[in-house]
Every structure is written in structure tokens, then in C-alpha cells.
Amino acid sequence: MIDRLEASADALWLTPHAEDMVRIGFADDGREMVGAVKEIEWLKPAGRVLLGDPLMIVTGEQESLTLRFPFAGKIAAINPELMAHPEYLNQHNDQLDWMVDLVVD
């Protein structure tokens, strides 16, 4: 299992989503690290988070990767479709491969 903050940072994309909010999703580097995604496990689906708190574990054909929050803040929303469709993380599509909306402190 890969569980390093720098690996997590490489595996995420970030984009402003609303005022003081950032949308976090799964980047191409993450897909390269784990291979085809088979399952995910939410580690923190709600509440306040600190920099480096675990967000989820993404398990692929090659490896598992613990993703960590790149900022402190409060979770505004998670992508409810990912539990039923972890394969959405296999292709770059901002509408499908997003994970969480975070209101940044």
C-alpha cells in the first residue's frame, strides 16, 4: 500500500468550485500508480479535516493508495456515485472522477 503525503498530492487534481471551495478529484498520476480501480473505501466522508487527514483508499489492479486531504477545511459534499461506480476513477472526466468538495479554512 502506498501511503505517503507526496504520492497522495500527485494523485489528486484540484480546482476552484465555488467561493472558498475546492473540488478534489483523481488525477492521471493516481491512475498510473494504482492501475485500473477496483474499489474505494471512504475514510472521512463528512466533517472537518486537517491537512494530511486520510480521505479514502483507492485499490487498483496494481496497488492500493491512501489519499490524504491537501488542505484543512470542512467537507461540503462527496461524490455519491463513487461507491457504486469506482470505475469512474479510471478515466479523466471532471464530472465523474471528482471525490470531494472542500470548504477551505
N, C-alpha and C. Protein backbone atom coordinates (compact mmCIF):
# COMPACT_ATOMS: atom_id res chain seq x y z
N MET A 1 0.84 -1.18 0.00
CA MET A 1 0.00 0.00 0.00
C MET A 1 0.89 1.24 0.00
N ILE A 2 0.54 2.20 -0.84
CA ILE A 2 1.24 3.48 -0.89
C ILE A 2 0.52 4.44 0.07
N ASP A 3 1.24 4.98 1.04
CA ASP A 3 0.65 5.91 1.99
C ASP A 3 1.68 6.99 2.32
N ARG A 4 1.92 7.86 1.33
CA ARG A 4 2.85 8.98 1.51
C ARG A 4 2.13 10.25 1.06
N LEU A 5 2.29 11.32 1.82
CA LEU A 5 1.61 12.57 1.50
C LEU A 5 1.94 13.05 0.10
N GLU A 6 3.22 12.92 -0.30
CA GLU A 6 3.60 13.39 -1.64
C GLU A 6 2.97 12.54 -2.75
N ALA A 7 2.81 11.25 -2.52
CA ALA A 7 2.15 10.39 -3.51
C ALA A 7 0.67 10.78 -3.61
N SER A 8 0.06 11.05 -2.48
CA SER A 8 -1.33 11.47 -2.47
C SER A 8 -1.49 12.79 -3.23
N ALA A 9 -0.58 13.73 -3.01
CA ALA A 9 -0.66 15.03 -3.69
C ALA A 9 -0.55 14.86 -5.21
N ASP A 10 0.31 13.97 -5.66
CA ASP A 10 0.46 13.71 -7.10
C ASP A 10 -0.79 13.07 -7.70
N ALA A 11 -1.53 12.34 -6.89
CA ALA A 11 -2.68 11.57 -7.38
C ALA A 11 -3.97 12.39 -7.43
N LEU A 12 -3.93 13.64 -7.01
CA LEU A 12 -5.14 14.45 -6.93
C LEU A 12 -5.10 15.63 -7.89
N TRP A 13 -6.27 15.99 -8.43
CA TRP A 13 -6.41 17.27 -9.10
C TRP A 13 -7.27 18.17 -8.22
N LEU A 14 -7.04 19.46 -8.32
CA LEU A 14 -7.76 20.45 -7.52
C LEU A 14 -8.25 21.55 -8.44
N THR A 15 -9.47 22.02 -8.20
CA THR A 15 -9.98 23.13 -8.98
C THR A 15 -10.94 23.94 -8.11
N PRO A 16 -10.92 25.27 -8.25
CA PRO A 16 -11.92 26.06 -7.52
C PRO A 16 -13.31 25.64 -7.96
N HIS A 17 -14.21 25.52 -7.00
CA HIS A 17 -15.56 25.05 -7.33
C HIS A 17 -16.61 26.10 -7.00
N ALA A 18 -16.40 26.85 -5.96
CA ALA A 18 -17.28 27.95 -5.55
C ALA A 18 -16.42 28.82 -4.63
N GLU A 19 -17.00 29.90 -4.14
CA GLU A 19 -16.23 30.77 -3.26
C GLU A 19 -15.75 29.98 -2.04
N ASP A 20 -14.45 30.02 -1.79
CA ASP A 20 -13.81 29.33 -0.66
C ASP A 20 -13.94 27.81 -0.72
N MET A 21 -14.28 27.26 -1.89
CA MET A 21 -14.45 25.81 -2.02
C MET A 21 -13.55 25.28 -3.13
N VAL A 22 -12.97 24.11 -2.86
CA VAL A 22 -12.12 23.44 -3.83
C VAL A 22 -12.71 22.06 -4.10
N ARG A 23 -12.76 21.68 -5.37
CA ARG A 23 -13.17 20.32 -5.74
C ARG A 23 -11.91 19.50 -5.93
N ILE A 24 -11.88 18.31 -5.33
CA ILE A 24 -10.73 17.42 -5.37
C ILE A 24 -11.14 16.16 -6.13
N GLY A 25 -10.29 15.75 -7.07
CA GLY A 25 -10.58 14.57 -7.86
C GLY A 25 -9.34 13.71 -8.07
N PHE A 26 -9.51 12.63 -8.79
CA PHE A 26 -8.45 11.65 -9.02
C PHE A 26 -7.74 11.97 -10.32
N ALA A 27 -6.43 12.19 -10.25
CA ALA A 27 -5.63 12.63 -11.39
C ALA A 27 -5.00 11.44 -12.12
N ASP A 28 -4.48 11.74 -13.31
CA ASP A 28 -3.82 10.71 -14.12
C ASP A 28 -2.66 10.04 -13.39
N ASP A 29 -1.90 10.80 -12.60
CA ASP A 29 -0.80 10.19 -11.85
C ASP A 29 -1.30 9.12 -10.88
N GLY A 30 -2.46 9.34 -10.29
CA GLY A 30 -3.06 8.33 -9.41
C GLY A 30 -3.42 7.07 -10.17
N ARG A 31 -3.98 7.25 -11.37
CA ARG A 31 -4.33 6.09 -12.19
C ARG A 31 -3.08 5.29 -12.56
N GLU A 32 -1.99 5.98 -12.84
CA GLU A 32 -0.73 5.29 -13.15
C GLU A 32 -0.21 4.51 -11.96
N MET A 33 -0.38 5.05 -10.75
CA MET A 33 0.12 4.37 -9.54
C MET A 33 -0.64 3.10 -9.22
N VAL A 34 -1.97 3.13 -9.36
CA VAL A 34 -2.78 2.01 -8.89
C VAL A 34 -3.25 1.06 -9.99
N GLY A 35 -3.25 1.50 -11.23
CA GLY A 35 -3.82 0.70 -12.30
C GLY A 35 -5.33 0.87 -12.31
N ALA A 36 -6.02 -0.01 -13.00
CA ALA A 36 -7.48 0.08 -13.08
C ALA A 36 -8.09 -0.04 -11.68
N VAL A 37 -8.93 0.94 -11.33
CA VAL A 37 -9.53 0.99 -10.00
C VAL A 37 -10.59 -0.10 -9.86
N LYS A 38 -10.49 -0.85 -8.77
CA LYS A 38 -11.43 -1.92 -8.48
C LYS A 38 -12.40 -1.55 -7.37
N GLU A 39 -11.89 -0.82 -6.35
CA GLU A 39 -12.76 -0.43 -5.25
C GLU A 39 -12.19 0.77 -4.53
N ILE A 40 -13.07 1.45 -3.79
CA ILE A 40 -12.66 2.56 -2.95
C ILE A 40 -13.22 2.35 -1.55
N GLU A 41 -12.59 2.99 -0.60
CA GLU A 41 -13.08 2.98 0.78
C GLU A 41 -12.98 4.40 1.32
N TRP A 42 -14.14 5.00 1.63
CA TRP A 42 -14.13 6.34 2.22
C TRP A 42 -13.60 6.24 3.63
N LEU A 43 -12.65 7.07 3.98
CA LEU A 43 -12.11 7.11 5.34
C LEU A 43 -12.64 8.31 6.12
N LYS A 44 -13.06 9.34 5.40
CA LYS A 44 -13.60 10.55 6.04
C LYS A 44 -14.65 11.14 5.12
N PRO A 45 -15.91 10.71 5.20
CA PRO A 45 -16.94 11.20 4.27
C PRO A 45 -17.65 12.47 4.71
N ALA A 46 -17.36 12.97 5.91
CA ALA A 46 -18.06 14.17 6.39
C ALA A 46 -17.26 14.84 7.50
N GLY A 47 -17.57 16.12 7.74
CA GLY A 47 -16.99 16.82 8.88
C GLY A 47 -15.77 17.66 8.54
N ARG A 48 -15.08 18.09 9.58
CA ARG A 48 -13.88 18.91 9.46
C ARG A 48 -12.67 18.01 9.27
N VAL A 49 -11.70 18.50 8.51
CA VAL A 49 -10.48 17.74 8.25
C VAL A 49 -9.28 18.66 8.41
N LEU A 50 -8.15 18.04 8.68
CA LEU A 50 -6.88 18.74 8.76
C LEU A 50 -6.01 18.33 7.57
N LEU A 51 -5.05 19.15 7.25
CA LEU A 51 -4.07 18.81 6.23
C LEU A 51 -3.48 17.44 6.54
N GLY A 52 -3.52 16.54 5.58
CA GLY A 52 -2.93 15.21 5.75
C GLY A 52 -3.87 14.16 6.31
N ASP A 53 -5.08 14.55 6.74
CA ASP A 53 -6.04 13.54 7.20
C ASP A 53 -6.38 12.61 6.03
N PRO A 54 -6.59 11.32 6.31
CA PRO A 54 -6.94 10.38 5.23
C PRO A 54 -8.34 10.65 4.69
N LEU A 55 -8.45 10.62 3.37
CA LEU A 55 -9.72 10.81 2.67
C LEU A 55 -10.31 9.47 2.25
N MET A 56 -9.52 8.69 1.52
CA MET A 56 -10.01 7.40 1.03
C MET A 56 -8.84 6.51 0.64
N ILE A 57 -9.13 5.23 0.51
CA ILE A 57 -8.19 4.27 -0.05
C ILE A 57 -8.73 3.85 -1.40
N VAL A 58 -7.89 4.00 -2.42
CA VAL A 58 -8.23 3.58 -3.78
C VAL A 58 -7.43 2.32 -4.06
N THR A 59 -8.12 1.24 -4.37
CA THR A 59 -7.47 -0.03 -4.67
C THR A 59 -7.63 -0.34 -6.15
N GLY A 60 -6.49 -0.55 -6.79
CA GLY A 60 -6.48 -0.87 -8.20
C GLY A 60 -5.87 -2.23 -8.46
N GLU A 61 -5.69 -2.56 -9.74
CA GLU A 61 -5.11 -3.85 -10.11
C GLU A 61 -3.66 -3.98 -9.67
N GLN A 62 -2.93 -2.86 -9.60
CA GLN A 62 -1.51 -2.91 -9.26
C GLN A 62 -1.20 -2.60 -7.81
N GLU A 63 -1.97 -1.70 -7.18
CA GLU A 63 -1.58 -1.16 -5.88
C GLU A 63 -2.79 -0.54 -5.21
N SER A 64 -2.65 -0.32 -3.90
CA SER A 64 -3.63 0.48 -3.14
C SER A 64 -2.94 1.77 -2.73
N LEU A 65 -3.71 2.85 -2.69
CA LEU A 65 -3.18 4.17 -2.40
C LEU A 65 -4.09 4.87 -1.40
N THR A 66 -3.51 5.34 -0.30
CA THR A 66 -4.26 6.15 0.64
C THR A 66 -4.16 7.60 0.20
N LEU A 67 -5.30 8.20 -0.07
CA LEU A 67 -5.35 9.61 -0.45
C LEU A 67 -5.60 10.45 0.79
N ARG A 68 -4.88 11.58 0.89
CA ARG A 68 -4.97 12.45 2.05
C ARG A 68 -5.37 13.86 1.62
N PHE A 69 -6.05 14.57 2.52
CA PHE A 69 -6.51 15.91 2.22
C PHE A 69 -5.33 16.86 2.05
N PRO A 70 -5.33 17.65 0.96
CA PRO A 70 -4.24 18.58 0.72
C PRO A 70 -4.42 19.92 1.44
N PHE A 71 -5.57 20.11 2.09
CA PHE A 71 -5.88 21.34 2.81
C PHE A 71 -6.71 21.00 4.04
N ALA A 72 -6.73 21.91 4.99
CA ALA A 72 -7.66 21.82 6.11
C ALA A 72 -8.97 22.47 5.67
N GLY A 73 -10.08 22.00 6.23
CA GLY A 73 -11.36 22.60 5.91
C GLY A 73 -12.51 21.74 6.36
N LYS A 74 -13.66 21.97 5.74
CA LYS A 74 -14.86 21.21 6.06
C LYS A 74 -15.41 20.61 4.77
N ILE A 75 -15.75 19.33 4.84
CA ILE A 75 -16.31 18.64 3.68
C ILE A 75 -17.71 19.20 3.41
N ALA A 76 -17.90 19.71 2.20
CA ALA A 76 -19.22 20.22 1.79
C ALA A 76 -20.03 19.13 1.10
N ALA A 77 -19.34 18.27 0.32
CA ALA A 77 -20.03 17.20 -0.40
C ALA A 77 -19.01 16.15 -0.82
N ILE A 78 -19.49 14.92 -0.93
CA ILE A 78 -18.69 13.86 -1.53
C ILE A 78 -19.44 13.39 -2.78
N ASN A 79 -18.74 12.76 -3.69
CA ASN A 79 -19.36 12.24 -4.90
C ASN A 79 -20.10 10.95 -4.53
N PRO A 80 -21.43 10.99 -4.46
CA PRO A 80 -22.19 9.83 -4.02
C PRO A 80 -22.15 8.66 -5.00
N GLU A 81 -21.77 8.90 -6.24
CA GLU A 81 -21.75 7.86 -7.27
C GLU A 81 -20.54 6.93 -7.16
N LEU A 82 -19.49 7.37 -6.47
CA LEU A 82 -18.24 6.60 -6.49
C LEU A 82 -18.34 5.23 -5.81
N MET A 83 -19.13 5.11 -4.75
CA MET A 83 -19.23 3.81 -4.09
C MET A 83 -19.81 2.76 -5.03
N ALA A 84 -20.82 3.13 -5.79
CA ALA A 84 -21.43 2.18 -6.72
C ALA A 84 -20.62 2.05 -8.01
N HIS A 85 -19.83 3.07 -8.33
CA HIS A 85 -19.09 3.09 -9.59
C HIS A 85 -17.64 3.54 -9.40
N PRO A 86 -16.82 2.75 -8.69
CA PRO A 86 -15.42 3.15 -8.52
C PRO A 86 -14.67 3.24 -9.86
N GLU A 87 -15.19 2.59 -10.88
CA GLU A 87 -14.56 2.64 -12.20
C GLU A 87 -14.58 4.04 -12.80
N TYR A 88 -15.41 4.95 -12.25
CA TYR A 88 -15.38 6.34 -12.72
C TYR A 88 -14.00 6.95 -12.56
N LEU A 89 -13.22 6.42 -11.62
CA LEU A 89 -11.87 6.95 -11.39
C LEU A 89 -10.87 6.49 -12.45
N ASN A 90 -11.27 5.60 -13.34
CA ASN A 90 -10.34 5.05 -14.33
C ASN A 90 -10.09 5.97 -15.52
N GLN A 91 -10.93 6.98 -15.70
CA GLN A 91 -10.77 7.88 -16.85
C GLN A 91 -10.90 9.31 -16.38
N HIS A 92 -10.13 10.19 -17.02
CA HIS A 92 -10.22 11.60 -16.67
C HIS A 92 -11.53 12.18 -17.19
N ASN A 93 -12.39 12.54 -16.25
CA ASN A 93 -13.66 13.18 -16.55
C ASN A 93 -14.06 13.94 -15.29
N ASP A 94 -13.89 15.26 -15.31
CA ASP A 94 -14.14 16.06 -14.11
C ASP A 94 -15.54 15.90 -13.55
N GLN A 95 -16.49 15.51 -14.37
CA GLN A 95 -17.86 15.32 -13.89
C GLN A 95 -18.03 14.00 -13.15
N LEU A 96 -17.15 13.04 -13.40
CA LEU A 96 -17.27 11.72 -12.79
C LEU A 96 -16.18 11.40 -11.77
N ASP A 97 -14.93 11.84 -12.02
CA ASP A 97 -13.83 11.40 -11.16
C ASP A 97 -13.54 12.35 -10.01
N TRP A 98 -14.47 13.28 -9.72
CA TRP A 98 -14.29 14.11 -8.53
C TRP A 98 -14.65 13.30 -7.29
N MET A 99 -14.03 13.66 -6.18
CA MET A 99 -14.23 12.91 -4.95
C MET A 99 -14.97 13.73 -3.89
N VAL A 100 -14.48 14.95 -3.67
CA VAL A 100 -14.99 15.73 -2.55
C VAL A 100 -14.91 17.22 -2.86
N ASP A 101 -15.90 17.96 -2.34
CA ASP A 101 -15.86 19.41 -2.33
C ASP A 101 -15.48 19.83 -0.92
N LEU A 102 -14.45 20.66 -0.80
CA LEU A 102 -13.92 21.04 0.50
C LEU A 102 -13.96 22.56 0.66
N VAL A 103 -14.62 23.03 1.71
CA VAL A 103 -14.59 24.45 2.06
C VAL A 103 -13.28 24.65 2.80
N VAL A 104 -12.40 25.45 2.22
CA VAL A 104 -11.04 25.60 2.73
C VAL A 104 -11.00 26.63 3.85
N ASP A 105 -10.29 26.28 4.92
CA ASP A 105 -10.09 27.22 6.04
C ASP A 105 -9.18 28.36 5.63
